[in-house]
Amino acid sequence: MHRMMTGGLALLALLVLPGAGIATAEQAAKDTTGEAAKESAGEAARDIVGAAPPVGQPKPPEPENYRTDEYRKPVPATLKGATVLTPEQASELWTKKAATFIDVYPRAPKPPNLPASTFWREPAHHSIDGAVWLANVGYGVLAPHIETYYKSHLERLSGGAKGKAMVFFCLRDCWMSWNAAKRALTYGYTNVMWYPDGTDAWQEIGLPVIDVKPEP
């Protein structure tokens, strides 16, 4: 009898979800499926930008056009028409609130073929405190609706002032930030700043990052 009671209590404990009371076995399975899907989506987002290249690789020359693949490769040292920022320079602008910071990290895609009953929770994305996350605007080729999204948000963030200081970033050695900054220049923005070391260096120098959501 004691063994039966102990086993029953153990099973019950396995089905208790924090803050949700007692869950059925089916609900617990759905939650597990959602967590697995969330992890899969996070990996998919990381796959888009890729792993960081080894430190010390030579920087390539600045191309004429946008980068359309292998986004996590060594980036150029320059972006014609833009100001390239060191972590210290970016930090100073952030401290003085002298520029708008724009994160262009790609949004984790929802895994296909999820059961209809599965609760989808996007993986967390951590960015510079106060930054605006404009997801998916750093690809080499933008779908028309993404380009419209990008233009409209830049217009809103700048208040229509083409000379407003805007800092574009992603991760270290991420071509998406280079692409996004270059594209902003083609839209006529004249005070474009590119921060190539992104959130990686930001955290290395001890500055805060927070959980952010993409702009709708």
C-alpha atoms as a PDB file:
ATOM      1  CA  MET A   1       0.000   0.000   0.000  1.00  0.00           C
ATOM      2  CA  HIS A   2       2.818   2.409   0.905  1.00  0.00           C
ATOM      3  CA  ARG A   3       4.507   1.760  -2.442  1.00  0.00           C
ATOM      4  CA  MET A   4       1.271   2.406  -4.319  1.00  0.00           C
ATOM      5  CA  MET A   5       0.740   5.715  -2.485  1.00  0.00           C
ATOM      6  CA  THR A   6       4.332   6.788  -3.095  1.00  0.00           C
ATOM      7  CA  GLY A   7       4.121   5.952  -6.792  1.00  0.00           C
ATOM      8  CA  GLY A   8       0.829   7.789  -7.117  1.00  0.00           C
ATOM      9  CA  LEU A   9       2.217  10.902  -5.457  1.00  0.00           C
ATOM     10  CA  ALA A  10       5.268  10.829  -7.717  1.00  0.00           C
ATOM     11  CA  LEU A  11       3.049  10.622 -10.806  1.00  0.00           C
ATOM     12  CA  LEU A  12       0.930  13.483  -9.519  1.00  0.00           C
ATOM     13  CA  ALA A  13       4.033  15.601  -8.932  1.00  0.00           C
ATOM     14  CA  LEU A  14       5.148  15.056 -12.501  1.00  0.00           C
ATOM     15  CA  LEU A  15       1.867  16.447 -13.774  1.00  0.00           C
ATOM     16  CA  VAL A  16       1.861  19.622 -11.725  1.00  0.00           C
ATOM     17  CA  LEU A  17       2.877  22.651 -13.818  1.00  0.00           C
ATOM     18  CA  PRO A  18       4.114  25.796 -12.036  1.00  0.00           C
ATOM     19  CA  GLY A  19       1.282  28.273 -11.576  1.00  0.00           C
ATOM     20  CA  ALA A  20      -1.183  26.074 -13.409  1.00  0.00           C
ATOM     21  CA  GLY A  21      -2.466  23.659 -10.776  1.00  0.00           C
ATOM     22  CA  ILE A  22      -2.768  19.999 -11.708  1.00  0.00           C
ATOM     23  CA  ALA A  23      -2.375  19.201 -15.398  1.00  0.00           C
ATOM     24  CA  THR A  24      -3.561  16.207 -17.297  1.00  0.00           C
ATOM     25  CA  ALA A  25      -1.053  13.959 -19.007  1.00  0.00           C
ATOM     26  CA  GLU A  26      -2.246  15.346 -22.356  1.00  0.00           C
ATOM     27  CA  GLN A  27      -1.637  18.950 -21.221  1.00  0.00           C
ATOM     28  CA  ALA A  28       1.823  18.048 -19.963  1.00  0.00           C
ATOM     29  CA  ALA A  29       2.629  16.498 -23.332  1.00  0.00           C
ATOM     30  CA  LYS A  30       1.432  19.646 -25.113  1.00  0.00           C
ATOM     31  CA  ASP A  31       3.657  21.795 -22.938  1.00  0.00           C
ATOM     32  CA  THR A  32       6.641  19.576 -23.717  1.00  0.00           C
ATOM     33  CA  THR A  33       5.838  19.836 -27.415  1.00  0.00           C
ATOM     34  CA  GLY A  34       5.700  23.620 -27.148  1.00  0.00           C
ATOM     35  CA  GLU A  35       9.065  23.777 -25.359  1.00  0.00           C
ATOM     36  CA  ALA A  36      10.625  21.539 -28.004  1.00  0.00           C
ATOM     37  CA  ALA A  37       9.142  23.737 -30.729  1.00  0.00           C
ATOM     38  CA  LYS A  38      10.442  26.870 -29.021  1.00  0.00           C
ATOM     39  CA  GLU A  39      13.939  25.400 -28.810  1.00  0.00           C
ATOM     40  CA  SER A  40      13.716  24.346 -32.454  1.00  0.00           C
ATOM     41  CA  ALA A  41      12.711  27.873 -33.447  1.00  0.00           C
ATOM     42  CA  GLY A  42      15.580  29.367 -31.478  1.00  0.00           C
ATOM     43  CA  GLU A  43      17.978  27.078 -33.289  1.00  0.00           C
ATOM     44  CA  ALA A  44      16.393  28.066 -36.604  1.00  0.00           C
ATOM     45  CA  ALA A  45      16.971  31.744 -35.865  1.00  0.00           C
ATOM     46  CA  ARG A  46      20.578  31.045 -34.908  1.00  0.00           C
ATOM     47  CA  ASP A  47      20.986  29.004 -38.081  1.00  0.00           C
ATOM     48  CA  ILE A  48      19.986  32.057 -40.125  1.00  0.00           C
ATOM     49  CA  VAL A  49      22.862  34.144 -38.843  1.00  0.00           C
ATOM     50  CA  GLY A  50      25.123  31.176 -38.142  1.00  0.00           C
ATOM     51  CA  ALA A  51      27.951  30.698 -35.677  1.00  0.00           C
ATOM     52  CA  ALA A  52      30.447  33.453 -35.048  1.00  0.00           C
ATOM     53  CA  PRO A  53      33.569  33.196 -37.225  1.00  0.00           C
ATOM     54  CA  PRO A  54      36.909  32.633 -35.504  1.00  0.00           C
ATOM     55  CA  VAL A  55      38.440  35.738 -33.984  1.00  0.00           C
ATOM     56  CA  GLY A  56      41.200  37.332 -36.029  1.00  0.00           C
ATOM     57  CA  GLN A  57      39.985  36.437 -39.503  1.00  0.00           C
ATOM     58  CA  PRO A  58      40.799  39.137 -42.067  1.00  0.00           C
ATOM     59  CA  LYS A  59      38.045  41.579 -42.892  1.00  0.00           C
ATOM     60  CA  PRO A  60      36.745  41.421 -46.463  1.00  0.00           C
ATOM     61  CA  PRO A  61      36.501  44.442 -48.741  1.00  0.00           C
ATOM     62  CA  GLU A  62      33.215  46.296 -48.777  1.00  0.00           C
ATOM     63  CA  PRO A  63      30.984  44.825 -51.520  1.00  0.00           C
ATOM     64  CA  GLU A  64      28.902  46.865 -53.921  1.00  0.00           C
ATOM     65  CA  ASN A  65      25.681  45.059 -53.140  1.00  0.00           C
ATOM     66  CA  TYR A  66      23.965  43.428 -50.159  1.00  0.00           C
ATOM     67  CA  ARG A  67      25.086  40.156 -48.640  1.00  0.00           C
ATOM     68  CA  THR A  68      22.509  37.469 -49.437  1.00  0.00           C
ATOM     69  CA  ASP A  69      23.863  34.369 -47.698  1.00  0.00           C
ATOM     70  CA  GLU A  70      26.222  33.185 -44.942  1.00  0.00           C
ATOM     71  CA  TYR A  71      25.334  36.146 -42.783  1.00  0.00           C
ATOM     72  CA  ARG A  72      27.697  35.249 -39.938  1.00  0.00           C
ATOM     73  CA  LYS A  73      31.011  35.818 -41.655  1.00  0.00           C
ATOM     74  CA  PRO A  74      33.676  38.461 -41.098  1.00  0.00           C
ATOM     75  CA  VAL A  75      32.236  41.833 -42.062  1.00  0.00           C
ATOM     76  CA  PRO A  76      34.028  44.763 -43.703  1.00  0.00           C
ATOM     77  CA  ALA A  77      35.673  47.448 -41.629  1.00  0.00           C
ATOM     78  CA  THR A  78      33.694  50.116 -43.458  1.00  0.00           C
ATOM     79  CA  LEU A  79      30.269  51.001 -44.775  1.00  0.00           C
ATOM     80  CA  LYS A  80      30.385  53.838 -47.276  1.00  0.00           C
ATOM     81  CA  GLY A  81      28.235  56.727 -46.122  1.00  0.00           C
ATOM     82  CA  ALA A  82      27.866  55.426 -42.553  1.00  0.00           C
ATOM     83  CA  THR A  83      29.790  55.914 -39.317  1.00  0.00           C
ATOM     84  CA  VAL A  84      31.261  52.688 -37.932  1.00  0.00           C
ATOM     85  CA  LEU A  85      31.129  52.549 -34.128  1.00  0.00           C
ATOM     86  CA  THR A  86      33.353  50.838 -31.596  1.00  0.00           C
ATOM     87  CA  PRO A  87      31.689  49.404 -28.476  1.00  0.00           C
ATOM     88  CA  GLU A  88      32.906  52.420 -26.504  1.00  0.00           C
ATOM     89  CA  GLN A  89      31.456  54.890 -29.006  1.00  0.00           C
ATOM     90  CA  ALA A  90      28.155  53.038 -29.093  1.00  0.00           C
ATOM     91  CA  SER A  91      28.103  53.002 -25.305  1.00  0.00           C
ATOM     92  CA  GLU A  92      28.635  56.758 -25.156  1.00  0.00           C
ATOM     93  CA  LEU A  93      25.776  57.405 -27.575  1.00  0.00           C
ATOM     94  CA  TRP A  94      23.532  55.077 -25.578  1.00  0.00           C
ATOM     95  CA  THR A  95      24.435  56.695 -22.252  1.00  0.00           C
ATOM     96  CA  LYS A  96      23.726  60.160 -23.625  1.00  0.00           C
ATOM     97  CA  LYS A  97      20.552  58.965 -25.395  1.00  0.00           C
ATOM     98  CA  ALA A  98      21.965  60.593 -28.494  1.00  0.00           C
ATOM     99  CA  ALA A  99      20.784  58.018 -31.034  1.00  0.00           C
ATOM    100  CA  THR A 100      18.050  55.467 -31.708  1.00  0.00           C
ATOM    101  CA  PHE A 101      19.341  51.888 -31.463  1.00  0.00           C
ATOM    102  CA  ILE A 102      17.855  49.432 -33.964  1.00  0.00           C
ATOM    103  CA  ASP A 103      18.319  45.679 -33.586  1.00  0.00           C
ATOM    104  CA  VAL A 104      17.892  43.720 -36.842  1.00  0.00           C
ATOM    105  CA  TYR A 105      18.325  40.173 -35.514  1.00  0.00           C
ATOM    106  CA  PRO A 106      16.017  37.759 -37.398  1.00  0.00           C
ATOM    107  CA  ARG A 107      12.832  36.576 -35.725  1.00  0.00           C
ATOM    108  CA  ALA A 108      12.581  32.906 -34.842  1.00  0.00           C
ATOM    109  CA  PRO A 109      10.124  31.270 -37.260  1.00  0.00           C
ATOM    110  CA  LYS A 110       7.215  29.271 -35.919  1.00  0.00           C
ATOM    111  CA  PRO A 111       7.906  25.598 -36.664  1.00  0.00           C
ATOM    112  CA  PRO A 112       5.633  24.169 -39.341  1.00  0.00           C
ATOM    113  CA  ASN A 113       3.095  21.431 -38.692  1.00  0.00           C
ATOM    114  CA  LEU A 114       2.644  22.130 -34.997  1.00  0.00           C
ATOM    115  CA  PRO A 115      -0.485  20.465 -33.586  1.00  0.00           C
ATOM    116  CA  ALA A 116      -3.330  22.989 -33.433  1.00  0.00           C
ATOM    117  CA  SER A 117      -3.589  22.524 -29.680  1.00  0.00           C
ATOM    118  CA  THR A 118       0.086  23.367 -29.050  1.00  0.00           C
ATOM    119  CA  PHE A 119       0.697  26.688 -27.290  1.00  0.00           C
ATOM    120  CA  TRP A 120       3.444  28.508 -29.239  1.00  0.00           C
ATOM    121  CA  ARG A 121       5.897  30.604 -27.257  1.00  0.00           C
ATOM    122  CA  GLU A 122       8.674  32.384 -29.097  1.00  0.00           C
ATOM    123  CA  PRO A 123      12.216  32.033 -27.757  1.00  0.00           C
ATOM    124  CA  ALA A 124      13.472  35.019 -25.812  1.00  0.00           C
ATOM    125  CA  HIS A 125      15.655  37.531 -27.607  1.00  0.00           C
ATOM    126  CA  HIS A 126      17.931  39.783 -25.570  1.00  0.00           C
ATOM    127  CA  SER A 127      18.928  43.150 -26.907  1.00  0.00           C
ATOM    128  CA  ILE A 128      20.363  46.478 -25.829  1.00  0.00           C
ATOM    129  CA  ASP A 129      18.150  48.153 -23.256  1.00  0.00           C
ATOM    130  CA  GLY A 130      15.990  50.711 -25.056  1.00  0.00           C
ATOM    131  CA  ALA A 131      16.660  49.358 -28.546  1.00  0.00           C
ATOM    132  CA  VAL A 132      13.878  48.789 -31.069  1.00  0.00           C
ATOM    133  CA  TRP A 133      13.818  45.312 -32.611  1.00  0.00           C
ATOM    134  CA  LEU A 134      12.971  45.448 -36.318  1.00  0.00           C
ATOM    135  CA  ALA A 135      13.148  41.767 -37.119  1.00  0.00           C
ATOM    136  CA  ASN A 136      14.088  40.354 -40.517  1.00  0.00           C
ATOM    137  CA  VAL A 137      15.045  43.656 -42.169  1.00  0.00           C
ATOM    138  CA  GLY A 138      18.691  42.651 -42.554  1.00  0.00           C
ATOM    139  CA  TYR A 139      18.338  40.066 -45.283  1.00  0.00           C
ATOM    140  CA  GLY A 140      20.031  40.762 -48.598  1.00  0.00           C
ATOM    141  CA  VAL A 141      16.695  40.620 -50.398  1.00  0.00           C
ATOM    142  CA  LEU A 142      13.519  41.838 -48.696  1.00  0.00           C
ATOM    143  CA  ALA A 143       9.983  40.760 -49.504  1.00  0.00           C
ATOM    144  CA  PRO A 144       7.825  43.782 -50.380  1.00  0.00           C
ATOM    145  CA  HIS A 145       5.868  43.654 -47.114  1.00  0.00           C
ATOM    146  CA  ILE A 146       9.099  43.524 -45.069  1.00  0.00           C
ATOM    147  CA  GLU A 147      10.509  46.497 -46.941  1.00  0.00           C
ATOM    148  CA  THR A 148       7.288  48.430 -46.322  1.00  0.00           C
ATOM    149  CA  TYR A 149       7.524  47.480 -42.634  1.00  0.00           C
ATOM    150  CA  TYR A 150      11.133  48.679 -42.510  1.00  0.00           C
ATOM    151  CA  LYS A 151      10.487  51.985 -44.232  1.00  0.00           C
ATOM    152  CA  SER A 152       7.450  52.793 -42.121  1.00  0.00           C
ATOM    153  CA  HIS A 153       9.244  52.089 -38.850  1.00  0.00           C
ATOM    154  CA  LEU A 154      12.277  54.138 -39.851  1.00  0.00           C
ATOM    155  CA  GLU A 155       9.932  56.975 -40.718  1.00  0.00           C
ATOM    156  CA  ARG A 156       8.271  56.652 -37.315  1.00  0.00           C
ATOM    157  CA  LEU A 157      11.525  56.363 -35.365  1.00  0.00           C
ATOM    158  CA  SER A 158      13.094  59.314 -37.139  1.00  0.00           C
ATOM    159  CA  GLY A 159       9.995  61.476 -36.928  1.00  0.00           C
ATOM    160  CA  GLY A 160      10.526  62.181 -40.605  1.00  0.00           C
ATOM    161  CA  ALA A 161      13.938  63.727 -39.943  1.00  0.00           C
ATOM    162  CA  LYS A 162      16.399  62.052 -42.313  1.00  0.00           C
ATOM    163  CA  GLY A 163      19.331  63.349 -40.270  1.00  0.00           C
ATOM    164  CA  LYS A 164      18.340  61.630 -37.019  1.00  0.00           C
ATOM    165  CA  ALA A 165      21.130  59.472 -35.597  1.00  0.00           C
ATOM    166  CA  MET A 166      20.310  55.767 -35.835  1.00  0.00           C
ATOM    167  CA  VAL A 167      22.542  52.885 -34.758  1.00  0.00           C
ATOM    168  CA  PHE A 168      22.066  49.538 -36.507  1.00  0.00           C
ATOM    169  CA  PHE A 169      23.327  46.346 -34.900  1.00  0.00           C
ATOM    170  CA  CYS A 170      22.851  42.602 -34.552  1.00  0.00           C
ATOM    171  CA  LEU A 171      25.555  40.242 -33.307  1.00  0.00           C
ATOM    172  CA  ARG A 172      29.299  40.493 -33.838  1.00  0.00           C
ATOM    173  CA  ASP A 173      30.237  39.807 -37.456  1.00  0.00           C
ATOM    174  CA  CYS A 174      26.635  39.718 -38.607  1.00  0.00           C
ATOM    175  CA  TRP A 175      26.036  40.928 -42.147  1.00  0.00           C
ATOM    176  CA  MET A 176      22.387  41.630 -41.365  1.00  0.00           C
ATOM    177  CA  SER A 177      23.312  44.820 -39.543  1.00  0.00           C
ATOM    178  CA  TRP A 178      25.558  45.862 -42.434  1.00  0.00           C
ATOM    179  CA  ASN A 179      22.743  45.215 -44.913  1.00  0.00           C
ATOM    180  CA  ALA A 180      20.174  47.083 -42.826  1.00  0.00           C
ATOM    181  CA  ALA A 181      22.414  50.116 -42.367  1.00  0.00           C
ATOM    182  CA  LYS A 182      23.276  50.181 -46.066  1.00  0.00           C
ATOM    183  CA  ARG A 183      19.596  49.959 -46.973  1.00  0.00           C
ATOM    184  CA  ALA A 184      18.769  52.865 -44.641  1.00  0.00           C
ATOM    185  CA  LEU A 185      21.320  54.948 -46.563  1.00  0.00           C
ATOM    186  CA  THR A 186      19.535  54.183 -49.823  1.00  0.00           C
ATOM    187  CA  TYR A 187      16.304  55.455 -48.232  1.00  0.00           C
ATOM    188  CA  GLY A 188      17.977  58.824 -47.787  1.00  0.00           C
ATOM    189  CA  TYR A 189      18.963  58.699 -44.102  1.00  0.00           C
ATOM    190  CA  THR A 190      22.126  60.703 -43.603  1.00  0.00           C
ATOM    191  CA  ASN A 191      23.199  59.961 -40.020  1.00  0.00           C
ATOM    192  CA  VAL A 192      23.436  56.165 -40.222  1.00  0.00           C
ATOM    193  CA  MET A 193      25.696  54.471 -37.694  1.00  0.00           C
ATOM    194  CA  TRP A 194      26.731  50.846 -37.851  1.00  0.00           C
ATOM    195  CA  TYR A 195      27.764  48.987 -34.720  1.00  0.00           C
ATOM    196  CA  PRO A 196      29.346  45.755 -36.037  1.00  0.00           C
ATOM    197  CA  ASP A 197      30.203  44.151 -32.674  1.00  0.00           C
ATOM    198  CA  GLY A 198      26.566  44.187 -31.592  1.00  0.00           C
ATOM    199  CA  THR A 199      25.182  42.630 -28.430  1.00  0.00           C
ATOM    200  CA  ASP A 200      28.183  40.309 -28.086  1.00  0.00           C
ATOM    201  CA  ALA A 201      30.603  43.139 -27.316  1.00  0.00           C
ATOM    202  CA  TRP A 202      27.889  45.046 -25.458  1.00  0.00           C
ATOM    203  CA  GLN A 203      27.682  42.307 -22.841  1.00  0.00           C
ATOM    204  CA  GLU A 204      31.454  41.842 -22.790  1.00  0.00           C
ATOM    205  CA  ILE A 205      31.925  45.428 -21.620  1.00  0.00           C
ATOM    206  CA  GLY A 206      29.301  44.943 -18.931  1.00  0.00           C
ATOM    207  CA  LEU A 207      26.359  46.853 -20.398  1.00  0.00           C
ATOM    208  CA  PRO A 208      22.770  45.656 -19.935  1.00  0.00           C
ATOM    209  CA  VAL A 209      20.627  43.649 -22.285  1.00  0.00           C
ATOM    210  CA  ILE A 210      16.946  42.932 -21.752  1.00  0.00           C
ATOM    211  CA  ASP A 211      14.267  40.670 -23.174  1.00  0.00           C
ATOM    212  CA  VAL A 212      12.635  42.450 -26.121  1.00  0.00           C
ATOM    213  CA  LYS A 213       9.766  41.799 -28.505  1.00  0.00           C
ATOM    214  CA  PRO A 214       9.775  42.625 -32.214  1.00  0.00           C
ATOM    215  CA  GLU A 215       7.903  45.703 -33.366  1.00  0.00           C
ATOM    216  CA  PRO A 216       4.585  44.695 -34.937  1.00  0.00           C
END
